[in-house]
Amino acid sequence: MRMGELYKTAEGKEKHVPIIDLLKGEGKAGKDIVKVVVGKDVPHPNLTEHHIVWIELFGVKTDGNVIDIGRSVFGPGYTEPSACFHVSCADFKALVATSYCNIHGVWESTHEL
C-alpha cells in the first residue's frame, strides 16, 4: 500500500518513519500488541512549531483488502509519538504505519507478517 506523492522519501527519515514492533500474543485475550513509534532511534522534535500530529495503523489482509486499524493523535509538547494497538494479526499479511509531521508531511513503513 502506497499513497504515492503524499509520502516523503528525502532526508530525515530516521526521525520521521514510523517503526512497527510486534509482540505476538502479549495483548488482552491473547491478541498481538502492535507498537508504532516515530523517532525511536533519533528523537523527533516535540514542539508546537514542529511535531508529529498523528500515527495511523493499517492491516493488509491476505485477500488484499486494507483495514484501517486505528489512529492516535498527539498534543505537541505533551505526548510522545508512540501508540499501541491490540490486534489479532492472523488475518493480515502486512501492517502499514503512517505518520504525519506538521512540517515534513506523511511518512510510512511496512511490516510483513
N, C-alpha and C. Protein backbone atom coordinates (compact mmCIF):
# COMPACT_ATOMS: atom_id res chain seq x y z
N MET A 1 0.83 -1.17 0.00
CA MET A 1 0.00 0.00 0.00
C MET A 1 0.88 1.23 0.00
N ARG A 2 0.65 2.14 -0.95
CA ARG A 2 1.37 3.41 -1.00
C ARG A 2 0.41 4.48 -1.46
N MET A 3 0.53 5.63 -0.88
CA MET A 3 -0.31 6.74 -1.29
C MET A 3 0.45 7.67 -2.23
N GLY A 4 1.52 7.16 -2.83
CA GLY A 4 2.23 7.87 -3.88
C GLY A 4 2.85 9.18 -3.47
N GLU A 5 2.44 10.24 -4.09
CA GLU A 5 3.09 11.54 -3.94
C GLU A 5 2.98 12.13 -2.54
N LEU A 6 2.07 11.63 -1.71
CA LEU A 6 1.94 12.16 -0.36
C LEU A 6 3.15 11.85 0.51
N TYR A 7 3.82 10.74 0.21
CA TYR A 7 4.88 10.28 1.09
C TYR A 7 6.22 10.88 0.77
N LYS A 8 6.96 11.15 1.83
CA LYS A 8 8.29 11.73 1.71
C LYS A 8 9.33 10.61 1.67
N THR A 9 10.38 10.83 0.91
CA THR A 9 11.47 9.86 0.89
C THR A 9 12.81 10.56 1.03
N ALA A 10 12.81 11.82 1.34
CA ALA A 10 14.03 12.61 1.44
C ALA A 10 14.72 12.40 2.78
N GLU A 11 15.72 13.21 3.02
CA GLU A 11 16.48 13.13 4.27
C GLU A 11 15.57 13.31 5.48
N GLY A 12 16.03 12.85 6.62
CA GLY A 12 15.27 12.98 7.85
C GLY A 12 14.41 11.78 8.16
N LYS A 13 14.53 10.72 7.35
CA LYS A 13 13.66 9.57 7.58
C LYS A 13 13.92 8.90 8.91
N GLU A 14 15.14 8.98 9.44
CA GLU A 14 15.45 8.32 10.72
C GLU A 14 14.63 8.88 11.89
N LYS A 15 14.10 10.09 11.77
CA LYS A 15 13.26 10.62 12.84
C LYS A 15 11.82 10.84 12.43
N HIS A 16 11.44 10.40 11.21
CA HIS A 16 10.07 10.56 10.74
C HIS A 16 9.35 9.25 10.43
N VAL A 17 10.08 8.23 9.98
CA VAL A 17 9.44 6.97 9.58
C VAL A 17 8.93 6.24 10.82
N PRO A 18 7.67 5.84 10.82
CA PRO A 18 7.15 5.08 11.96
C PRO A 18 7.73 3.67 11.99
N ILE A 19 8.18 3.25 13.16
CA ILE A 19 8.76 1.92 13.36
C ILE A 19 7.69 1.02 13.99
N ILE A 20 7.49 -0.15 13.39
CA ILE A 20 6.48 -1.10 13.88
C ILE A 20 7.17 -2.23 14.64
N ASP A 21 6.77 -2.43 15.89
CA ASP A 21 7.22 -3.57 16.69
C ASP A 21 6.01 -4.44 16.99
N LEU A 22 6.15 -5.75 16.83
CA LEU A 22 5.06 -6.68 17.04
C LEU A 22 5.38 -7.61 18.20
N LEU A 23 4.49 -7.65 19.17
CA LEU A 23 4.61 -8.54 20.32
C LEU A 23 3.48 -9.56 20.21
N LYS A 24 3.80 -10.73 19.65
CA LYS A 24 2.80 -11.76 19.37
C LYS A 24 2.21 -12.33 20.66
N GLY A 25 0.88 -12.31 20.74
CA GLY A 25 0.16 -12.94 21.83
C GLY A 25 0.30 -12.29 23.18
N GLU A 26 0.84 -11.08 23.26
CA GLU A 26 1.08 -10.46 24.56
C GLU A 26 0.01 -9.45 24.97
N GLY A 27 -1.03 -9.31 24.15
CA GLY A 27 -2.10 -8.36 24.46
C GLY A 27 -3.25 -9.03 25.20
N LYS A 28 -4.31 -8.26 25.39
CA LYS A 28 -5.50 -8.76 26.06
C LYS A 28 -6.09 -9.92 25.27
N ALA A 29 -6.54 -10.93 25.97
CA ALA A 29 -7.17 -12.12 25.38
C ALA A 29 -6.29 -12.77 24.32
N GLY A 30 -4.97 -12.70 24.50
CA GLY A 30 -4.05 -13.34 23.58
C GLY A 30 -3.84 -12.63 22.27
N LYS A 31 -4.39 -11.42 22.14
CA LYS A 31 -4.18 -10.66 20.90
C LYS A 31 -2.73 -10.18 20.85
N ASP A 32 -2.33 -9.76 19.67
CA ASP A 32 -0.99 -9.23 19.49
C ASP A 32 -0.97 -7.75 19.84
N ILE A 33 0.16 -7.28 20.31
CA ILE A 33 0.35 -5.85 20.54
C ILE A 33 1.22 -5.32 19.41
N VAL A 34 0.71 -4.31 18.73
CA VAL A 34 1.46 -3.65 17.68
C VAL A 34 1.81 -2.27 18.22
N LYS A 35 3.12 -2.03 18.39
CA LYS A 35 3.59 -0.74 18.88
C LYS A 35 4.20 0.02 17.71
N VAL A 36 3.78 1.25 17.55
CA VAL A 36 4.29 2.11 16.48
C VAL A 36 4.92 3.33 17.13
N VAL A 37 6.19 3.59 16.79
CA VAL A 37 6.94 4.70 17.37
C VAL A 37 7.58 5.51 16.26
N VAL A 38 7.50 6.82 16.38
CA VAL A 38 8.21 7.72 15.47
C VAL A 38 9.38 8.29 16.27
N GLY A 39 10.57 8.25 15.66
CA GLY A 39 11.75 8.77 16.35
C GLY A 39 12.31 7.80 17.37
N LYS A 40 12.24 6.52 17.09
CA LYS A 40 12.70 5.50 18.03
C LYS A 40 14.20 5.63 18.31
N ASP A 41 15.01 5.77 17.26
CA ASP A 41 16.46 5.87 17.43
C ASP A 41 16.95 7.32 17.46
N VAL A 42 16.32 8.18 16.66
CA VAL A 42 16.65 9.61 16.61
C VAL A 42 15.37 10.36 16.96
N PRO A 43 15.30 10.96 18.15
CA PRO A 43 14.06 11.62 18.58
C PRO A 43 13.60 12.71 17.61
N HIS A 44 12.31 12.75 17.40
CA HIS A 44 11.70 13.81 16.60
C HIS A 44 11.37 14.97 17.53
N PRO A 45 11.52 16.23 17.05
CA PRO A 45 11.12 17.37 17.90
C PRO A 45 9.66 17.26 18.32
N ASN A 46 9.38 17.74 19.50
CA ASN A 46 8.01 17.71 20.02
C ASN A 46 7.65 19.11 20.52
N LEU A 47 7.65 20.04 19.58
CA LEU A 47 7.37 21.44 19.87
C LEU A 47 6.10 21.86 19.12
N THR A 48 5.47 22.91 19.56
CA THR A 48 4.28 23.38 18.86
C THR A 48 4.58 23.65 17.40
N GLU A 49 5.73 24.21 17.11
CA GLU A 49 6.06 24.56 15.73
C GLU A 49 6.59 23.39 14.89
N HIS A 50 6.93 22.25 15.51
CA HIS A 50 7.44 21.08 14.78
C HIS A 50 7.17 19.83 15.61
N HIS A 51 6.22 19.01 15.15
CA HIS A 51 5.84 17.83 15.92
C HIS A 51 5.16 16.79 15.02
N ILE A 52 5.02 15.58 15.56
CA ILE A 52 4.24 14.52 14.91
C ILE A 52 2.79 14.71 15.35
N VAL A 53 1.91 14.86 14.38
CA VAL A 53 0.50 15.12 14.66
C VAL A 53 -0.25 13.82 14.95
N TRP A 54 0.00 12.78 14.13
CA TRP A 54 -0.69 11.51 14.32
C TRP A 54 0.11 10.34 13.78
N ILE A 55 -0.28 9.16 14.26
CA ILE A 55 0.19 7.86 13.75
C ILE A 55 -1.07 7.07 13.41
N GLU A 56 -1.05 6.39 12.26
CA GLU A 56 -2.19 5.55 11.87
C GLU A 56 -1.67 4.17 11.47
N LEU A 57 -2.44 3.14 11.81
CA LEU A 57 -2.05 1.76 11.51
C LEU A 57 -3.10 1.11 10.62
N PHE A 58 -2.63 0.45 9.55
CA PHE A 58 -3.48 -0.29 8.62
C PHE A 58 -3.05 -1.75 8.60
N GLY A 59 -3.99 -2.64 8.37
CA GLY A 59 -3.69 -4.04 8.15
C GLY A 59 -4.04 -4.41 6.72
N VAL A 60 -3.12 -5.10 6.05
CA VAL A 60 -3.38 -5.59 4.69
C VAL A 60 -3.74 -7.06 4.81
N LYS A 61 -4.99 -7.38 4.47
CA LYS A 61 -5.47 -8.76 4.59
C LYS A 61 -4.88 -9.64 3.51
N THR A 62 -4.97 -10.94 3.70
CA THR A 62 -4.42 -11.88 2.73
C THR A 62 -5.10 -11.76 1.36
N ASP A 63 -6.35 -11.26 1.33
CA ASP A 63 -7.05 -11.07 0.06
C ASP A 63 -6.78 -9.70 -0.56
N GLY A 64 -5.90 -8.89 0.08
CA GLY A 64 -5.53 -7.59 -0.46
C GLY A 64 -6.32 -6.42 0.08
N ASN A 65 -7.42 -6.66 0.76
CA ASN A 65 -8.19 -5.57 1.35
C ASN A 65 -7.38 -4.88 2.45
N VAL A 66 -7.56 -3.58 2.57
CA VAL A 66 -6.85 -2.79 3.57
C VAL A 66 -7.84 -2.35 4.64
N ILE A 67 -7.49 -2.62 5.89
CA ILE A 67 -8.34 -2.28 7.03
C ILE A 67 -7.64 -1.18 7.84
N ASP A 68 -8.36 -0.11 8.12
CA ASP A 68 -7.85 0.96 8.98
C ASP A 68 -8.03 0.50 10.43
N ILE A 69 -6.94 0.14 11.08
CA ILE A 69 -6.99 -0.39 12.43
C ILE A 69 -7.20 0.71 13.46
N GLY A 70 -6.54 1.83 13.28
CA GLY A 70 -6.73 2.92 14.23
C GLY A 70 -5.74 4.04 14.04
N ARG A 71 -6.00 5.12 14.76
CA ARG A 71 -5.15 6.32 14.68
C ARG A 71 -5.00 6.90 16.09
N SER A 72 -3.80 7.38 16.38
CA SER A 72 -3.54 8.13 17.62
C SER A 72 -3.12 9.53 17.24
N VAL A 73 -3.70 10.51 17.92
CA VAL A 73 -3.40 11.92 17.68
C VAL A 73 -2.66 12.44 18.90
N PHE A 74 -1.64 13.28 18.67
CA PHE A 74 -0.77 13.74 19.75
C PHE A 74 -0.83 15.25 19.94
N GLY A 75 -0.78 15.66 21.19
CA GLY A 75 -0.71 17.08 21.53
C GLY A 75 0.75 17.50 21.58
N PRO A 76 1.14 18.47 20.77
CA PRO A 76 2.55 18.88 20.75
C PRO A 76 3.03 19.33 22.12
N GLY A 77 4.20 18.80 22.50
CA GLY A 77 4.78 19.16 23.78
C GLY A 77 4.28 18.34 24.95
N TYR A 78 3.18 17.61 24.78
CA TYR A 78 2.59 16.86 25.88
C TYR A 78 2.73 15.36 25.74
N THR A 79 2.69 14.85 24.53
CA THR A 79 2.75 13.40 24.32
C THR A 79 3.83 13.05 23.32
N GLU A 80 4.47 11.92 23.53
CA GLU A 80 5.48 11.43 22.60
C GLU A 80 4.78 10.64 21.49
N PRO A 81 5.31 10.64 20.28
CA PRO A 81 4.66 9.94 19.16
C PRO A 81 4.87 8.42 19.22
N SER A 82 4.05 7.78 20.05
CA SER A 82 4.10 6.34 20.25
C SER A 82 2.68 5.86 20.50
N ALA A 83 2.31 4.73 19.88
CA ALA A 83 0.96 4.21 20.06
C ALA A 83 1.00 2.68 20.08
N CYS A 84 0.12 2.09 20.88
CA CYS A 84 -0.02 0.63 20.94
C CYS A 84 -1.43 0.25 20.52
N PHE A 85 -1.52 -0.80 19.72
CA PHE A 85 -2.79 -1.31 19.25
C PHE A 85 -2.87 -2.80 19.59
N HIS A 86 -4.00 -3.25 20.12
CA HIS A 86 -4.23 -4.67 20.39
C HIS A 86 -4.97 -5.23 19.18
N VAL A 87 -4.31 -6.12 18.45
CA VAL A 87 -4.80 -6.57 17.15
C VAL A 87 -4.63 -8.08 17.03
N SER A 88 -5.59 -8.73 16.40
CA SER A 88 -5.41 -10.12 16.02
C SER A 88 -4.82 -10.11 14.61
N CYS A 89 -3.55 -10.40 14.49
CA CYS A 89 -2.83 -10.27 13.21
C CYS A 89 -2.98 -11.47 12.29
N ALA A 90 -3.70 -12.51 12.70
CA ALA A 90 -3.79 -13.74 11.92
C ALA A 90 -4.34 -13.53 10.51
N ASP A 91 -5.24 -12.56 10.32
CA ASP A 91 -5.85 -12.34 9.01
C ASP A 91 -5.05 -11.40 8.12
N PHE A 92 -3.95 -10.88 8.62
CA PHE A 92 -3.19 -9.89 7.86
C PHE A 92 -1.90 -10.48 7.31
N LYS A 93 -1.51 -10.01 6.13
CA LYS A 93 -0.22 -10.39 5.57
C LYS A 93 0.82 -9.30 5.79
N ALA A 94 0.35 -8.09 6.15
CA ALA A 94 1.27 -6.98 6.42
C ALA A 94 0.56 -5.93 7.26
N LEU A 95 1.38 -5.17 7.99
CA LEU A 95 0.91 -4.00 8.70
C LEU A 95 1.60 -2.79 8.09
N VAL A 96 0.86 -1.70 7.94
CA VAL A 96 1.41 -0.47 7.38
C VAL A 96 1.13 0.65 8.36
N ALA A 97 2.17 1.36 8.76
CA ALA A 97 2.01 2.50 9.65
C ALA A 97 2.34 3.78 8.89
N THR A 98 1.56 4.81 9.15
CA THR A 98 1.82 6.13 8.59
C THR A 98 1.92 7.12 9.74
N SER A 99 2.68 8.17 9.50
CA SER A 99 2.77 9.24 10.49
C SER A 99 2.78 10.57 9.75
N TYR A 100 2.36 11.62 10.46
CA TYR A 100 2.31 12.94 9.84
C TYR A 100 3.05 13.96 10.70
N CYS A 101 4.08 14.57 10.09
CA CYS A 101 4.83 15.66 10.72
C CYS A 101 4.24 16.96 10.18
N ASN A 102 3.98 17.90 11.06
CA ASN A 102 3.34 19.14 10.62
C ASN A 102 4.21 19.96 9.67
N ILE A 103 5.49 19.67 9.56
CA ILE A 103 6.37 20.37 8.63
C ILE A 103 6.76 19.50 7.45
N HIS A 104 7.08 18.24 7.69
CA HIS A 104 7.65 17.36 6.66
C HIS A 104 6.67 16.36 6.05
N GLY A 105 5.40 16.43 6.38
CA GLY A 105 4.39 15.62 5.71
C GLY A 105 4.24 14.20 6.22
N VAL A 106 3.71 13.34 5.35
CA VAL A 106 3.35 11.97 5.68
C VAL A 106 4.50 11.01 5.37
N TRP A 107 4.70 10.03 6.29
CA TRP A 107 5.75 9.02 6.15
C TRP A 107 5.12 7.66 6.38
N GLU A 108 5.72 6.60 5.85
CA GLU A 108 5.15 5.26 6.00
C GLU A 108 6.22 4.20 6.18
N SER A 109 5.81 3.09 6.80
CA SER A 109 6.64 1.90 6.85
C SER A 109 5.72 0.68 6.80
N THR A 110 6.28 -0.46 6.36
CA THR A 110 5.52 -1.69 6.24
C THR A 110 6.25 -2.80 7.00
N HIS A 111 5.47 -3.62 7.68
CA HIS A 111 5.98 -4.79 8.40
C HIS A 111 5.27 -6.02 7.83
N GLU A 112 6.00 -6.83 7.08
CA GLU A 112 5.42 -8.06 6.50
C GLU A 112 5.26 -9.09 7.60
N LEU A 113 4.15 -9.80 7.59
CA LEU A 113 3.89 -10.81 8.61
C LEU A 113 4.14 -12.21 8.08
